[in-house]
Amino acid sequence: YREAVGSDESDADILLKGERIWNLEKRFNIEAGVEKDTLPPRLLREKLPSGPAKGKVVELQTMLEEYYQLRGWSSDGEPTDEKLKELSIE
């Protein structure tokens, strides 16, 4: 990494910074009233034409529940106080 950008940061440090940015962006968008987690309408209506899920429509709510859990967010898609504290975001 040092050769590319001139920094001695570890991969873990860089990933942590990325997670902080993602959570700050999400929090900002929620507070600004512009955040809605969704997919293009076509993906929510039309059955998938191929692949393991052929013939099924995207189950957005199920996907969001898992995504929010993996991110450490509430079931409403908001970064939790615990997650913000973990990332030193007050």
Protein backbone atom coordinates (compact mmCIF):
# COMPACT_ATOMS: atom_id res chain seq x y z
CA TYR A 1 0.00 0.00 0.00
CA ARG A 2 2.83 2.38 0.82
CA GLU A 3 4.13 2.17 -2.72
CA ALA A 4 0.75 3.18 -4.16
CA VAL A 5 -0.15 6.11 -1.92
CA GLY A 6 2.82 6.73 0.35
CA SER A 7 1.18 5.52 3.57
CA ASP A 8 2.04 2.80 6.06
CA GLU A 9 -1.59 2.12 7.00
CA SER A 10 -2.63 -1.49 7.30
CA ASP A 11 -5.47 -3.07 5.35
CA ALA A 12 -7.51 -3.08 8.57
CA ASP A 13 -6.97 0.67 9.02
CA ILE A 14 -8.13 1.36 5.49
CA LEU A 15 -11.21 -0.86 5.86
CA LEU A 16 -12.09 0.89 9.12
CA LYS A 17 -11.87 4.28 7.43
CA GLY A 18 -14.13 3.02 4.66
CA GLU A 19 -16.68 1.76 7.18
CA ARG A 20 -16.61 5.10 8.99
CA ILE A 21 -17.23 6.94 5.71
CA TRP A 22 -20.11 4.60 4.79
CA ASN A 23 -21.79 5.10 8.17
CA LEU A 24 -21.27 8.88 8.15
CA GLU A 25 -22.74 9.08 4.65
CA LYS A 26 -25.74 6.98 5.65
CA ARG A 27 -26.34 9.07 8.77
CA PHE A 28 -26.05 12.32 6.79
CA ASN A 29 -28.51 11.11 4.14
CA ILE A 30 -31.03 10.04 6.77
CA GLU A 31 -30.82 13.41 8.52
CA ALA A 32 -31.15 15.19 5.16
CA GLY A 33 -34.23 13.12 4.33
CA VAL A 34 -32.85 11.77 1.06
CA GLU A 35 -32.09 8.19 2.04
CA LYS A 36 -34.23 5.30 0.88
CA ASP A 37 -32.76 1.86 0.37
CA THR A 38 -34.36 0.32 -2.67
CA LEU A 39 -33.68 -1.09 -6.11
CA PRO A 40 -34.90 0.01 -9.53
CA PRO A 41 -38.66 -0.73 -9.87
CA ARG A 42 -38.06 -3.23 -12.66
CA LEU A 43 -36.06 -5.47 -10.33
CA LEU A 44 -38.88 -5.40 -7.80
CA ARG A 45 -41.59 -6.35 -10.34
CA GLU A 46 -40.10 -8.59 -13.00
CA LYS A 47 -39.08 -12.18 -12.46
CA LEU A 48 -35.39 -12.90 -12.89
CA PRO A 49 -34.77 -14.43 -16.33
CA SER A 50 -31.86 -16.72 -15.41
CA GLY A 51 -29.57 -17.98 -12.69
CA PRO A 52 -30.32 -19.74 -9.39
CA ALA A 53 -33.24 -17.38 -8.67
CA LYS A 54 -34.77 -17.72 -12.15
CA GLY A 55 -38.48 -16.97 -12.10
CA LYS A 56 -38.38 -15.17 -8.75
CA VAL A 57 -38.81 -11.49 -7.96
CA VAL A 58 -36.21 -9.81 -5.77
CA GLU A 59 -37.23 -9.99 -2.11
CA LEU A 60 -36.01 -6.55 -1.13
CA GLN A 61 -37.20 -6.56 2.47
CA THR A 62 -35.44 -9.86 3.20
CA MET A 63 -32.26 -8.59 1.58
CA LEU A 64 -32.39 -5.32 3.51
CA GLU A 65 -32.88 -7.08 6.84
CA GLU A 66 -29.75 -9.15 6.28
CA TYR A 67 -27.78 -6.18 4.94
CA TYR A 68 -28.70 -3.98 7.90
CA GLN A 69 -27.75 -6.74 10.32
CA LEU A 70 -24.37 -7.23 8.63
CA ARG A 71 -23.72 -3.48 8.77
CA GLY A 72 -24.65 -3.30 12.46
CA TRP A 73 -27.61 -1.03 11.76
CA SER A 74 -31.13 -1.01 13.17
CA SER A 75 -33.96 -2.84 11.41
CA ASP A 76 -34.92 0.57 9.97
CA GLY A 77 -31.53 0.90 8.29
CA GLU A 78 -30.03 3.47 10.65
CA PRO A 79 -26.54 3.14 12.12
CA THR A 80 -27.03 2.20 15.77
CA ASP A 81 -25.50 4.13 18.64
CA GLU A 82 -23.32 1.09 19.33
CA LYS A 83 -22.04 1.03 15.74
CA LEU A 84 -21.30 4.77 15.78
CA LYS A 85 -19.50 4.42 19.11
CA GLU A 86 -17.49 1.45 17.77
CA LEU A 87 -16.39 3.66 14.86
CA SER A 88 -15.70 6.67 17.11
CA ILE A 89 -18.48 8.65 15.46
CA GLU A 90 -20.32 10.75 18.02
